[in-house]
PDB file of N, CA and C in Angstrom:
ATOM      1  N   MET A   1     268.691  16.623  12.252  1.00  0.00           N
ATOM      2  CA  MET A   1     267.887  16.630  11.054  1.00  0.00           C
ATOM      3  C   MET A   1     267.205  15.258  10.923  1.00  0.00           C
ATOM      4  N   PRO A   2     265.848  15.233  10.835  1.00  0.00           N
ATOM      5  CA  PRO A   2     265.145  13.957  10.746  1.00  0.00           C
ATOM      6  C   PRO A   2     265.418  13.255   9.422  1.00  0.00           C
ATOM      7  N   ALA A   3     265.401  11.940   9.485  1.00  0.00           N
ATOM      8  CA  ALA A   3     265.618  11.147   8.278  1.00  0.00           C
ATOM      9  C   ALA A   3     264.439  11.329   7.330  1.00  0.00           C
ATOM     10  N   SER A   4     264.716  11.385   6.037  1.00  0.00           N
ATOM     11  CA  SER A   4     263.634  11.536   5.075  1.00  0.00           C
ATOM     12  C   SER A   4     262.888  10.214   4.966  1.00  0.00           C
ATOM     13  N   SER A   5     261.606  10.312   4.754  1.00  0.00           N
ATOM     14  CA  SER A   5     260.771   9.127   4.688  1.00  0.00           C
ATOM     15  C   SER A   5     260.101   9.062   3.321  1.00  0.00           C
ATOM     16  N   LYS A   6     259.933   7.852   2.841  1.00  0.00           N
ATOM     17  CA  LYS A   6     259.276   7.657   1.561  1.00  0.00           C
ATOM     18  C   LYS A   6     257.782   7.960   1.674  1.00  0.00           C
ATOM     19  N   TYR A   7     257.239   7.785   2.879  1.00  0.00           N
ATOM     20  CA  TYR A   7     255.815   7.965   3.099  1.00  0.00           C
ATOM     21  C   TYR A   7     255.581   9.137   4.054  1.00  0.00           C
ATOM     22  N   PRO A   8     254.544   9.940   3.803  1.00  0.00           N
ATOM     23  CA  PRO A   8     254.231  11.048   4.718  1.00  0.00           C
ATOM     24  C   PRO A   8     253.810  10.528   6.099  1.00  0.00           C
ATOM     25  N   GLU A   9     254.047  11.311   7.123  1.00  0.00           N
ATOM     26  CA  GLU A   9     253.729  10.938   8.492  1.00  0.00           C
ATOM     27  C   GLU A   9     252.228  10.648   8.653  1.00  0.00           C
ATOM     28  N   GLU A  10     251.384  11.465   8.019  1.00  0.00           N
ATOM     29  CA  GLU A  10     249.937  11.271   8.120  1.00  0.00           C
ATOM     30  C   GLU A  10     249.527   9.896   7.586  1.00  0.00           C
ATOM     31  N   LEU A  11     250.126   9.490   6.464  1.00  0.00           N
ATOM     32  CA  LEU A  11     249.826   8.195   5.874  1.00  0.00           C
ATOM     33  C   LEU A  11     250.292   7.069   6.795  1.00  0.00           C
ATOM     34  N   ARG A  12     251.464   7.214   7.378  1.00  0.00           N
ATOM     35  CA  ARG A  12     251.993   6.197   8.278  1.00  0.00           C
ATOM     36  C   ARG A  12     251.068   6.009   9.473  1.00  0.00           C
ATOM     37  N   VAL A  13     250.653   7.107  10.082  1.00  0.00           N
ATOM     38  CA  VAL A  13     249.789   7.042  11.262  1.00  0.00           C
ATOM     39  C   VAL A  13     248.432   6.429  10.901  1.00  0.00           C
ATOM     40  N   ARG A  14     247.848   6.863   9.797  1.00  0.00           N
ATOM     41  CA  ARG A  14     246.536   6.372   9.382  1.00  0.00           C
ATOM     42  C   ARG A  14     246.572   4.880   9.054  1.00  0.00           C
ATOM     43  N   ALA A  15     247.569   4.472   8.254  1.00  0.00           N
ATOM     44  CA  ALA A  15     247.675   3.066   7.855  1.00  0.00           C
ATOM     45  C   ALA A  15     247.937   2.179   9.073  1.00  0.00           C
ATOM     46  N   THR A  16     248.782   2.638   9.968  1.00  0.00           N
ATOM     47  CA  THR A  16     249.083   1.864  11.174  1.00  0.00           C
ATOM     48  C   THR A  16     247.839   1.706  12.035  1.00  0.00           C
ATOM     49  N   ARG A  17     247.106   2.797  12.225  1.00  0.00           N
ATOM     50  CA  ARG A  17     245.890   2.746  13.032  1.00  0.00           C
ATOM     51  C   ARG A  17     244.873   1.779  12.425  1.00  0.00           C
ATOM     52  N   LEU A  18     244.677   1.864  11.110  1.00  0.00           N
ATOM     53  CA  LEU A  18     243.739   0.967  10.432  1.00  0.00           C
ATOM     54  C   LEU A  18     244.150  -0.502  10.598  1.00  0.00           C
ATOM     55  N   ALA A  19     245.433  -0.774  10.428  1.00  0.00           N
ATOM     56  CA  ALA A  19     245.915  -2.154  10.523  1.00  0.00           C
ATOM     57  C   ALA A  19     245.809  -2.694  11.942  1.00  0.00           C
ATOM     58  N   VAL A  20     246.155  -1.885  12.919  1.00  0.00           N
ATOM     59  CA  VAL A  20     246.073  -2.332  14.317  1.00  0.00           C
ATOM     60  C   VAL A  20     244.620  -2.621  14.681  1.00  0.00           C
ATOM     61  N   GLU A  21     243.702  -1.749  14.279  1.00  0.00           N
ATOM     62  CA  GLU A  21     242.287  -1.967  14.573  1.00  0.00           C
ATOM     63  C   GLU A  21     241.764  -3.208  13.859  1.00  0.00           C
ATOM     64  N   ALA A  22     242.174  -3.411  12.614  1.00  0.00           N
ATOM     65  CA  ALA A  22     241.723  -4.574  11.851  1.00  0.00           C
ATOM     66  C   ALA A  22     242.257  -5.867  12.461  1.00  0.00           C
ATOM     67  N   ARG A  23     243.464  -5.833  13.000  1.00  0.00           N
ATOM     68  CA  ARG A  23     244.053  -7.038  13.595  1.00  0.00           C
ATOM     69  C   ARG A  23     243.415  -7.390  14.932  1.00  0.00           C
ATOM     70  N   LYS A  24     242.748  -6.442  15.583  1.00  0.00           N
ATOM     71  CA  LYS A  24     242.077  -6.724  16.853  1.00  0.00           C
ATOM     72  C   LYS A  24     240.776  -7.493  16.637  1.00  0.00           C
ATOM     73  N   ASP A  25     240.177  -7.327  15.468  1.00  0.00           N
ATOM     74  CA  ASP A  25     238.912  -7.994  15.161  1.00  0.00           C
ATOM     75  C   ASP A  25     239.188  -9.347  14.511  1.00  0.00           C
ATOM     76  N   PRO A  26     238.737 -10.452  15.114  1.00  0.00           N
ATOM     77  CA  PRO A  26     239.018 -11.782  14.552  1.00  0.00           C
ATOM     78  C   PRO A  26     238.491 -11.972  13.129  1.00  0.00           C
ATOM     79  N   ASP A  27     237.414 -11.272  12.786  1.00  0.00           N
ATOM     80  CA  ASP A  27     236.841 -11.415  11.446  1.00  0.00           C
ATOM     81  C   ASP A  27     237.700 -10.772  10.363  1.00  0.00           C
ATOM     82  N   THR A  28     238.433  -9.725  10.710  1.00  0.00           N
ATOM     83  CA  THR A  28     239.239  -9.009   9.710  1.00  0.00           C
ATOM     84  C   THR A  28     240.734  -9.201   9.899  1.00  0.00           C
ATOM     85  N   ARG A  29     241.133  -9.989  10.889  1.00  0.00           N
ATOM     86  CA  ARG A  29     242.557 -10.161  11.213  1.00  0.00           C
ATOM     87  C   ARG A  29     243.351 -10.792  10.068  1.00  0.00           C
ATOM     88  N   SER A  30     242.802 -11.828   9.465  1.00  0.00           N
ATOM     89  CA  SER A  30     243.516 -12.549   8.416  1.00  0.00           C
ATOM     90  C   SER A  30     243.739 -11.653   7.190  1.00  0.00           C
ATOM     91  N   GLY A  31     244.988 -11.436   6.854  1.00  0.00           N
ATOM     92  CA  GLY A  31     245.341 -10.646   5.672  1.00  0.00           C
ATOM     93  C   GLY A  31     245.142  -9.151   5.829  1.00  0.00           C
ATOM     94  N   ALA A  32     244.977  -8.683   7.053  1.00  0.00           N
ATOM     95  CA  ALA A  32     244.690  -7.266   7.285  1.00  0.00           C
ATOM     96  C   ALA A  32     245.831  -6.370   6.816  1.00  0.00           C
ATOM     97  N   ILE A  33     247.051  -6.746   7.123  1.00  0.00           N
ATOM     98  CA  ILE A  33     248.189  -5.896   6.759  1.00  0.00           C
ATOM     99  C   ILE A  33     248.322  -5.788   5.250  1.00  0.00           C
ATOM    100  N   THR A  34     248.244  -6.912   4.561  1.00  0.00           N
ATOM    101  CA  THR A  34     248.369  -6.900   3.104  1.00  0.00           C
ATOM    102  C   THR A  34     247.250  -6.076   2.485  1.00  0.00           C
ATOM    103  N   ARG A  35     246.023  -6.291   2.945  1.00  0.00           N
ATOM    104  CA  ARG A  35     244.862  -5.589   2.396  1.00  0.00           C
ATOM    105  C   ARG A  35     244.983  -4.077   2.603  1.00  0.00           C
ATOM    106  N   ILE A  36     245.332  -3.657   3.803  1.00  0.00           N
ATOM    107  CA  ILE A  36     245.417  -2.228   4.104  1.00  0.00           C
ATOM    108  C   ILE A  36     246.616  -1.596   3.412  1.00  0.00           C
ATOM    109  N   ALA A  37     247.710  -2.341   3.311  1.00  0.00           N
ATOM    110  CA  ALA A  37     248.887  -1.827   2.602  1.00  0.00           C
ATOM    111  C   ALA A  37     248.542  -1.528   1.147  1.00  0.00           C
ATOM    112  N   GLU A  38     247.800  -2.420   0.509  1.00  0.00           N
ATOM    113  CA  GLU A  38     247.393  -2.189  -0.880  1.00  0.00           C
ATOM    114  C   GLU A  38     246.469  -0.991  -0.989  1.00  0.00           C
ATOM    115  N   GLN A  39     245.526  -0.863  -0.064  1.00  0.00           N
ATOM    116  CA  GLN A  39     244.576   0.247  -0.087  1.00  0.00           C
ATOM    117  C   GLN A  39     245.272   1.592   0.105  1.00  0.00           C
ATOM    118  N   CYS A  40     246.295   1.624   0.940  1.00  0.00           N
ATOM    119  CA  CYS A  40     246.980   2.883   1.252  1.00  0.00           C
ATOM    120  C   CYS A  40     248.169   3.154   0.342  1.00  0.00           C
ATOM    121  N   GLY A  41     248.551   2.182  -0.480  1.00  0.00           N
ATOM    122  CA  GLY A  41     249.691   2.373  -1.369  1.00  0.00           C
ATOM    123  C   GLY A  41     251.025   2.296  -0.651  1.00  0.00           C
ATOM    124  N   VAL A  42     251.090   1.428   0.367  1.00  0.00           N
ATOM    125  CA  VAL A  42     252.303   1.255   1.172  1.00  0.00           C
ATOM    126  C   VAL A  42     252.773  -0.180   0.977  1.00  0.00           C
ATOM    127  N   HIS A  43     254.078  -0.397   0.997  1.00  0.00           N
ATOM    128  CA  HIS A  43     254.599  -1.754   0.887  1.00  0.00           C
ATOM    129  C   HIS A  43     254.193  -2.530   2.138  1.00  0.00           C
ATOM    130  N   LYS A  44     253.766  -3.783   1.962  1.00  0.00           N
ATOM    131  CA  LYS A  44     253.218  -4.554   3.088  1.00  0.00           C
ATOM    132  C   LYS A  44     254.237  -4.792   4.203  1.00  0.00           C
ATOM    133  N   GLU A  45     255.502  -4.967   3.857  1.00  0.00           N
ATOM    134  CA  GLU A  45     256.523  -5.177   4.899  1.00  0.00           C
ATOM    135  C   GLU A  45     256.776  -3.897   5.686  1.00  0.00           C
ATOM    136  N   THR A  46     256.657  -2.769   5.023  1.00  0.00           N
ATOM    137  CA  THR A  46     256.794  -1.488   5.722  1.00  0.00           C
ATOM    138  C   THR A  46     255.665  -1.331   6.729  1.00  0.00           C
ATOM    139  N   LEU A  47     254.438  -1.600   6.291  1.00  0.00           N
ATOM    140  CA  LEU A  47     253.285  -1.507   7.191  1.00  0.00           C
ATOM    141  C   LEU A  47     253.411  -2.518   8.321  1.00  0.00           C
ATOM    142  N   ARG A  48     253.877  -3.713   8.019  1.00  0.00           N
ATOM    143  CA  ARG A  48     254.051  -4.736   9.051  1.00  0.00           C
ATOM    144  C   ARG A  48     255.021  -4.249  10.138  1.00  0.00           C
ATOM    145  N   THR A  49     256.083  -3.581   9.728  1.00  0.00           N
ATOM    146  CA  THR A  49     257.051  -3.025  10.681  1.00  0.00           C
ATOM    147  C   THR A  49     256.398  -1.949  11.537  1.00  0.00           C
ATOM    148  N   TRP A  50     255.635  -1.044  10.902  1.00  0.00           N
ATOM    149  CA  TRP A  50     254.943   0.007  11.652  1.00  0.00           C
ATOM    150  C   TRP A  50     253.986  -0.593  12.673  1.00  0.00           C
ATOM    151  N   VAL A  51     253.236  -1.601  12.247  1.00  0.00           N
ATOM    152  CA  VAL A  51     252.248  -2.230  13.129  1.00  0.00           C
ATOM    153  C   VAL A  51     252.947  -2.925  14.288  1.00  0.00           C
ATOM    154  N   ARG A  52     254.023  -3.653  14.004  1.00  0.00           N
ATOM    155  CA  ARG A  52     254.753  -4.344  15.062  1.00  0.00           C
ATOM    156  C   ARG A  52     255.258  -3.341  16.100  1.00  0.00           C
ATOM    157  N   ARG A  53     255.800  -2.229  15.649  1.00  0.00           N
ATOM    158  CA  ARG A  53     256.290  -1.210  16.588  1.00  0.00           C
ATOM    159  C   ARG A  53     255.147  -0.625  17.405  1.00  0.00           C
ATOM    160  N   ALA A  54     254.024  -0.381  16.753  1.00  0.00           N
ATOM    161  CA  ALA A  54     252.874   0.182  17.462  1.00  0.00           C
ATOM    162  C   ALA A  54     252.344  -0.807  18.498  1.00  0.00           C
ATOM    163  N   GLU A  55     252.258  -2.070  18.140  1.00  0.00           N
ATOM    164  CA  GLU A  55     251.766  -3.077  19.078  1.00  0.00           C
ATOM    165  C   GLU A  55     252.750  -3.316  20.215  1.00  0.00           C
ATOM    166  N   GLU A  56     254.034  -3.266  19.946  1.00  0.00           N
ATOM    167  CA  GLU A  56     255.038  -3.441  21.003  1.00  0.00           C
ATOM    168  C   GLU A  56     254.997  -2.276  21.986  1.00  0.00           C
ATOM    169  N   SER A  57     254.732  -1.076  21.489  1.00  0.00           N
ATOM    170  CA  SER A  57     254.682   0.075  22.385  1.00  0.00           C
ATOM    171  C   SER A  57     253.472   0.005  23.299  1.00  0.00           C
ATOM    172  N   GLU A  58     252.416  -0.691  22.899  1.00  0.00           N
ATOM    173  CA  GLU A  58     251.222  -0.841  23.719  1.00  0.00           C
ATOM    174  C   GLU A  58     251.246  -2.117  24.546  1.00  0.00           C
ATOM    175  N   LEU A  59     252.253  -2.947  24.402  1.00  0.00           N
ATOM    176  CA  LEU A  59     252.301  -4.262  25.036  1.00  0.00           C
ATOM    177  C   LEU A  59     252.187  -4.230  26.554  1.00  0.00           C
ATOM    178  N   PRO A  60     252.920  -3.383  27.286  1.00  0.00           N
ATOM    179  CA  PRO A  60     252.804  -3.416  28.739  1.00  0.00           C
ATOM    180  C   PRO A  60     251.389  -3.144  29.229  1.00  0.00           C
ATOM    181  N   ILE A  61     250.696  -2.216  28.609  1.00  0.00           N
ATOM    182  CA  ILE A  61     249.330  -1.909  29.011  1.00  0.00           C
ATOM    183  C   ILE A  61     248.451  -3.119  28.734  1.00  0.00           C
ATOM    184  N   GLY A  62     248.603  -3.685  27.557  1.00  0.00           N
ATOM    185  CA  GLY A  62     247.807  -4.847  27.183  1.00  0.00           C
ATOM    186  C   GLY A  62     248.087  -6.053  28.051  1.00  0.00           C
ATOM    187  N   SER A  63     249.344  -6.287  28.410  1.00  0.00           N
ATOM    188  CA  SER A  63     249.668  -7.473  29.208  1.00  0.00           C
ATOM    189  C   SER A  63     249.102  -7.356  30.616  1.00  0.00           C
ATOM    190  N   GLU A  64     249.089  -6.153  31.196  1.00  0.00           N
ATOM    191  CA  GLU A  64     248.497  -5.978  32.512  1.00  0.00           C
ATOM    192  C   GLU A  64     247.004  -6.231  32.444  1.00  0.00           C
ATOM    193  N   ASP A  65     246.347  -5.710  31.410  1.00  0.00           N
ATOM    194  CA  ASP A  65     244.922  -5.940  31.239  1.00  0.00           C
ATOM    195  C   ASP A  65     244.658  -7.425  31.030  1.00  0.00           C
ATOM    196  N   THR A  66     245.508  -8.079  30.263  1.00  0.00           N
ATOM    197  CA  THR A  66     245.346  -9.499  29.990  1.00  0.00           C
ATOM    198  C   THR A  66     245.519 -10.307  31.261  1.00  0.00           C
ATOM    199  N   THR A  67     246.501  -9.967  32.059  1.00  0.00           N
ATOM    200  CA  THR A  67     246.738 -10.684  33.310  1.00  0.00           C
ATOM    201  C   THR A  67     245.546 -10.539  34.246  1.00  0.00           C
ATOM    202  N   ALA A  68     245.029  -9.339  34.378  1.00  0.00           N
ATOM    203  CA  ALA A  68     243.864  -9.114  35.237  1.00  0.00           C
ATOM    204  C   ALA A  68     242.651  -9.867  34.698  1.00  0.00           C
ATOM    205  N   ARG A  69     242.491  -9.872  33.405  1.00  0.00           N
ATOM    206  CA  ARG A  69     241.363 -10.574  32.785  1.00  0.00           C
ATOM    207  C   ARG A  69     241.476 -12.083  33.019  1.00  0.00           C
ATOM    208  N   ILE A  70     242.680 -12.614  32.888  1.00  0.00           N
ATOM    209  CA  ILE A  70     242.881 -14.046  33.114  1.00  0.00           C
ATOM    210  C   ILE A  70     242.564 -14.402  34.558  1.00  0.00           C
ATOM    211  N   ARG A  71     243.022 -13.587  35.508  1.00  0.00           N
ATOM    212  CA  ARG A  71     242.720 -13.840  36.923  1.00  0.00           C
ATOM    213  C   ARG A  71     241.215 -13.836  37.173  1.00  0.00           C
ATOM    214  N   ARG A  72     240.529 -12.839  36.594  1.00  0.00           N
ATOM    215  CA  ARG A  72     239.091 -12.736  36.770  1.00  0.00           C
ATOM    216  C   ARG A  72     238.383 -13.959  36.181  1.00  0.00           C
ATOM    217  N   LEU A  73     238.809 -14.380  34.989  1.00  0.00           N
ATOM    218  CA  LEU A  73     238.184 -15.527  34.340  1.00  0.00           C
ATOM    219  C   LEU A  73     238.472 -16.829  35.088  1.00  0.00           C
ATOM    220  N   GLU A  74     239.678 -16.974  35.645  1.00  0.00           N
ATOM    221  CA  GLU A  74     239.999 -18.171  36.427  1.00  0.00           C
ATOM    222  C   GLU A  74     239.142 -18.243  37.691  1.00  0.00           C
ATOM    223  N   LYS A  75     238.941 -17.095  38.333  1.00  0.00           N
ATOM    224  CA  LYS A  75     238.090 -17.050  39.530  1.00  0.00           C
ATOM    225  C   LYS A  75     236.655 -17.428  39.156  1.00  0.00           C
ATOM    226  N   GLU A  76     236.167 -16.860  38.067  1.00  0.00           N
ATOM    227  CA  GLU A  76     234.814 -17.180  37.605  1.00  0.00           C
ATOM    228  C   GLU A  76     234.694 -18.666  37.269  1.00  0.00           C
ATOM    229  N   ASN A  77     235.731 -19.221  36.653  1.00  0.00           N
ATOM    230  CA  ASN A  77     235.745 -20.640  36.303  1.00  0.00           C
ATOM    231  C   ASN A  77     235.651 -21.507  37.563  1.00  0.00           C
ATOM    232  N   ARG A  78     236.414 -21.175  38.610  1.00  0.00           N
ATOM    233  CA  ARG A  78     236.358 -21.921  39.874  1.00  0.00           C
ATOM    234  C   ARG A  78     234.955 -21.869  40.475  1.00  0.00           C
ATOM    235  N   GLU A  79     234.350 -20.672  40.455  1.00  0.00           N
ATOM    236  CA  GLU A  79     233.005 -20.524  41.008  1.00  0.00           C
ATOM    237  C   GLU A  79     231.985 -21.344  40.211  1.00  0.00           C
ATOM    238  N   LEU A  80     232.116 -21.355  38.910  1.00  0.00           N
ATOM    239  CA  LEU A  80     231.187 -22.123  38.075  1.00  0.00           C
ATOM    240  C   LEU A  80     231.356 -23.627  38.286  1.00  0.00           C
ATOM    241  N   ARG A  81     232.602 -24.083  38.444  1.00  0.00           N
ATOM    242  CA  ARG A  81     232.833 -25.505  38.718  1.00  0.00           C
ATOM    243  C   ARG A  81     232.209 -25.896  40.064  1.00  0.00           C
ATOM    244  N   ARG A  82     232.354 -25.036  41.050  1.00  0.00           N
ATOM    245  CA  ARG A  82     231.763 -25.302  42.365  1.00  0.00           C
ATOM    246  C   ARG A  82     230.242 -25.358  42.258  1.00  0.00           C
ATOM    247  N   SER A  83     229.657 -24.418  41.530  1.00  0.00           N
ATOM    248  CA  SER A  83     228.200 -24.416  41.339  1.00  0.00           C
ATOM    249  C   SER A  83     227.742 -25.682  40.626  1.00  0.00           C
ATOM    250  N   ASN A  84     228.468 -26.082  39.606  1.00  0.00           N
ATOM    251  CA  ASN A  84     228.123 -27.316  38.886  1.00  0.00           C
ATOM    252  C   ASN A  84     228.178 -28.522  39.809  1.00  0.00           C
ATOM    253  N   SER A  85     229.178 -28.582  40.657  1.00  0.00           N
ATOM    254  CA  SER A  85     229.312 -29.695  41.595  1.00  0.00           C
ATOM    255  C   SER A  85     228.108 -29.747  42.536  1.00  0.00           C
ATOM    256  N   ILE A  86     227.709 -28.605  43.050  1.00  0.00           N
ATOM    257  CA  ILE A  86     226.553 -28.539  43.948  1.00  0.00           C
ATOM    258  C   ILE A  86     225.290 -28.972  43.213  1.00  0.00           C
ATOM    259  N   LEU A  87     225.110 -28.490  41.995  1.00  0.00           N
ATOM    260  CA  LEU A  87     223.917 -28.854  41.220  1.00  0.00           C
ATOM    261  C   LEU A  87     223.883 -30.345  40.888  1.00  0.00           C
ATOM    262  N   LYS A  88     225.038 -30.919  40.577  1.00  0.00           N
ATOM    263  CA  LYS A  88     225.087 -32.360  40.302  1.00  0.00           C
ATOM    264  C   LYS A  88     224.718 -33.163  41.549  1.00  0.00           C
ATOM    265  N   SER A  89     225.224 -32.751  42.687  1.00  0.00           N
ATOM    266  CA  SER A  89     224.903 -33.438  43.940  1.00  0.00           C
ATOM    267  C   SER A  89     223.413 -33.340  44.237  1.00  0.00           C
ATOM    268  N   ALA A  90     222.849 -32.152  44.047  1.00  0.00           N
ATOM    269  CA  ALA A  90     221.416 -31.963  44.291  1.00  0.00           C
ATOM    270  C   ALA A  90     220.588 -32.799  43.325  1.00  0.00           C
ATOM    271  N   ALA A  91     220.982 -32.846  42.076  1.00  0.00           N
ATOM    272  CA  ALA A  91     220.255 -33.638  41.084  1.00  0.00           C
ATOM    273  C   ALA A  91     220.306 -35.118  41.443  1.00  0.00           C
ATOM    274  N   ALA A  92     221.451 -35.595  41.884  1.00  0.00           N
ATOM    275  CA  ALA A  92     221.583 -37.000  42.274  1.00  0.00           C
ATOM    276  C   ALA A  92     220.718 -37.302  43.496  1.00  0.00           C
ATOM    277  N   PHE A  93     220.674 -36.376  44.448  1.00  0.00           N
ATOM    278  CA  PHE A  93     219.862 -36.560  45.644  1.00  0.00           C
ATOM    279  C   PHE A  93     218.383 -36.674  45.284  1.00  0.00           C
ATOM    280  N   PHE A  94     217.900 -35.737  44.478  1.00  0.00           N
ATOM    281  CA  PHE A  94     216.484 -35.753  44.118  1.00  0.00           C
ATOM    282  C   PHE A  94     216.141 -36.920  43.209  1.00  0.00           C
ATOM    283  N   ALA A  95     217.051 -37.338  42.364  1.00  0.00           N
ATOM    284  CA  ALA A  95     216.812 -38.504  41.515  1.00  0.00           C
ATOM    285  C   ALA A  95     216.664 -39.748  42.380  1.00  0.00           C
ATOM    286  N   ALA A  96     217.461 -39.855  43.414  1.00  0.00           N
ATOM    287  CA  ALA A  96     217.375 -40.994  44.325  1.00  0.00           C
ATOM    288  C   ALA A  96     216.052 -40.963  45.087  1.00  0.00           C
ATOM    289  N   GLU A  97     215.578 -39.781  45.463  1.00  0.00           N
ATOM    290  CA  GLU A  97     214.294 -39.648  46.166  1.00  0.00           C
ATOM    291  C   GLU A  97     213.148 -40.139  45.295  1.00  0.00           C
ATOM    292  N   PHE A  98     213.171 -39.838  44.026  1.00  0.00           N
ATOM    293  CA  PHE A  98     212.091 -40.245  43.120  1.00  0.00           C
ATOM    294  C   PHE A  98     212.150 -41.732  42.804  1.00  0.00           C
ATOM    295  N   ASP A  99     213.330 -42.323  42.895  1.00  0.00           N
ATOM    296  CA  ASP A  99     213.478 -43.749  42.590  1.00  0.00           C
ATOM    297  C   ASP A  99     213.014 -44.642  43.743  1.00  0.00           C
ATOM    298  N   ARG A 100     212.908 -44.122  44.939  1.00  0.00           N
ATOM    299  CA  ARG A 100     212.474 -44.914  46.091  1.00  0.00           C
ATOM    300  C   ARG A 100     210.975 -45.214  45.980  1.00  0.00           C
ATOM    301  N   PRO A 101     210.623 -46.423  46.357  1.00  0.00           N
ATOM    302  CA  PRO A 101     209.183 -46.772  46.330  1.00  0.00           C
ATOM    303  C   PRO A 101     208.420 -45.985  47.389  1.00  0.00           C
ATOM    304  N   GLN A 102     207.246 -45.552  47.024  1.00  0.00           N
ATOM    305  CA  GLN A 102     206.394 -44.800  47.961  1.00  0.00           C
ATOM    306  C   GLN A 102     205.582 -45.791  48.797  1.00  0.00           C
ATOM    307  N   SER A 103     205.645 -45.694  50.103  1.00  0.00           N
ATOM    308  CA  SER A 103     204.843 -46.592  50.933  1.00  0.00           C
ATOM    309  C   SER A 103     204.066 -45.853  51.979  1.00  0.00           C
TER     310      SER A 103
END
């Protein structure tokens, strides 16, 4: 027999989804749980627990995506540093050419 809940399942799912989506956006992240809890008529600590469980259940998928993204960004960073080094060398070479007296 399932435990009785103070809140209907539909409300729990909806409030959790809204809070998780709001927390992903940096503009709405601050105070998202409190704001959505008030809008849905749910206690903020209850919603916080629901959100934490929902985010923990998605963590392995997110961490793999994050790891791949970090690797991709590190590779891009190395390539950009190499390009910058080449451009600096070329700029120094051409600057030296222009500084030489023409004879």
